[in-house]
Amino acid sequence: MRKRGKHFARRSLSQNFSKINRAHTKENKNPQHLGSWGYHRKYDVWDKEQEEGVMPDIIGMMHKHSRHWILARRVKGANKTYMLEEHI
């Protein structure tokens, strides 16, 4: 009987956390577009793009934290170029 009670409590807690996380996700005005790779695996890709001159010079002059934040929020356009959403 005790095991069922613990299982129920864990399940209800996880459901509550899921609801809270969904609400926070909807409130995020600037979501990242990195997918399952996350930031860590994108650093090499971004460094390569910077060396090739794909990025605008202004992004290369930013502090690394600012540059990573901006690059994580860009989206691929119709002609396979990256762009930022208007509100950023």
Protein backbone atom coordinates (compact mmCIF):
# COMPACT_ATOMS: atom_id res chain seq x y z
CA MET A 1 0.00 0.00 0.00
CA ARG A 2 2.82 2.41 0.79
CA LYS A 3 4.46 1.83 -2.58
CA ARG A 4 1.31 2.87 -4.38
CA GLY A 5 1.13 6.07 -2.37
CA LYS A 6 4.73 6.98 -3.20
CA HIS A 7 4.21 6.17 -6.87
CA PHE A 8 1.08 8.32 -6.99
CA ALA A 9 2.86 11.20 -5.27
CA ARG A 10 5.80 11.03 -7.70
CA ARG A 11 3.49 10.88 -10.70
CA SER A 12 1.41 13.83 -9.55
CA LEU A 13 4.56 15.87 -8.80
CA SER A 14 5.99 15.16 -12.24
CA GLN A 15 2.69 16.14 -13.85
CA ASN A 16 2.71 19.41 -11.92
CA PHE A 17 6.28 20.13 -13.00
CA SER A 18 5.33 19.38 -16.60
CA LYS A 19 2.49 21.91 -16.43
CA ILE A 20 4.79 24.53 -14.92
CA ASN A 21 7.48 23.90 -17.55
CA ARG A 22 4.93 24.20 -20.39
CA ALA A 23 3.71 27.52 -18.97
CA HIS A 24 7.28 28.86 -18.73
CA THR A 25 8.01 27.72 -22.28
CA LYS A 26 5.01 29.62 -23.62
CA GLU A 27 6.19 32.79 -21.83
CA ASN A 28 9.67 32.61 -23.41
CA LYS A 29 9.83 35.49 -25.89
CA ASN A 30 13.20 34.52 -27.38
CA PRO A 31 13.41 30.73 -27.66
CA GLN A 32 16.62 29.09 -28.81
CA HIS A 33 16.65 27.08 -32.04
CA LEU A 34 19.44 24.62 -31.31
CA GLY A 35 17.48 21.39 -31.21
CA SER A 36 18.73 18.45 -29.20
CA TRP A 37 22.40 19.36 -29.69
CA GLY A 38 22.30 22.36 -27.42
CA TYR A 39 24.96 25.05 -27.11
CA HIS A 40 27.98 22.84 -26.44
CA ARG A 41 28.05 21.11 -29.82
CA LYS A 42 27.31 24.29 -31.76
CA TYR A 43 30.46 26.16 -30.66
CA ASP A 44 32.62 24.45 -33.30
CA VAL A 45 30.03 25.09 -36.01
CA TRP A 46 29.84 28.77 -35.12
CA ASP A 47 33.64 29.13 -35.01
CA LYS A 48 33.86 27.56 -38.47
CA GLU A 49 31.18 29.94 -39.81
CA GLN A 50 33.08 32.89 -38.40
CA GLU A 51 36.34 31.75 -40.03
CA GLU A 52 34.58 31.29 -43.38
CA GLY A 53 33.09 34.79 -43.17
CA VAL A 54 29.47 33.59 -43.16
CA MET A 55 28.57 35.73 -40.14
CA PRO A 56 28.29 39.50 -40.28
CA ASP A 57 31.34 41.29 -38.79
CA ILE A 58 29.27 42.84 -36.01
CA ILE A 59 28.55 39.41 -34.53
CA GLY A 60 32.26 38.58 -34.54
CA MET A 61 32.99 41.72 -32.49
CA MET A 62 30.52 40.80 -29.71
CA HIS A 63 31.43 39.20 -26.41
CA LYS A 64 31.26 35.42 -26.74
CA HIS A 65 28.22 35.08 -24.46
CA SER A 66 26.27 37.68 -26.44
CA ARG A 67 27.34 36.12 -29.73
CA HIS A 68 26.21 32.65 -28.62
CA TRP A 69 22.85 34.00 -27.41
CA ILE A 70 22.21 35.70 -30.77
CA LEU A 71 23.36 32.72 -32.84
CA ALA A 72 21.17 30.32 -30.86
CA ARG A 73 18.08 32.36 -31.73
CA ARG A 74 18.55 32.75 -35.47
CA VAL A 75 16.34 30.87 -37.90
CA LYS A 76 17.07 29.56 -41.37
CA GLY A 77 15.29 31.54 -44.08
CA ALA A 78 13.83 30.40 -47.38
CA ASN A 79 17.08 30.86 -49.32
CA LYS A 80 19.12 28.91 -46.70
CA THR A 81 20.50 32.03 -45.07
CA TYR A 82 20.16 32.74 -41.39
CA MET A 83 18.19 35.65 -40.00
CA LEU A 84 16.93 36.92 -36.66
CA GLU A 85 13.28 37.33 -35.83
CA GLU A 86 12.00 40.91 -35.78
CA HIS A 87 11.51 41.26 -32.03
CA ILE A 88 15.12 40.39 -31.13
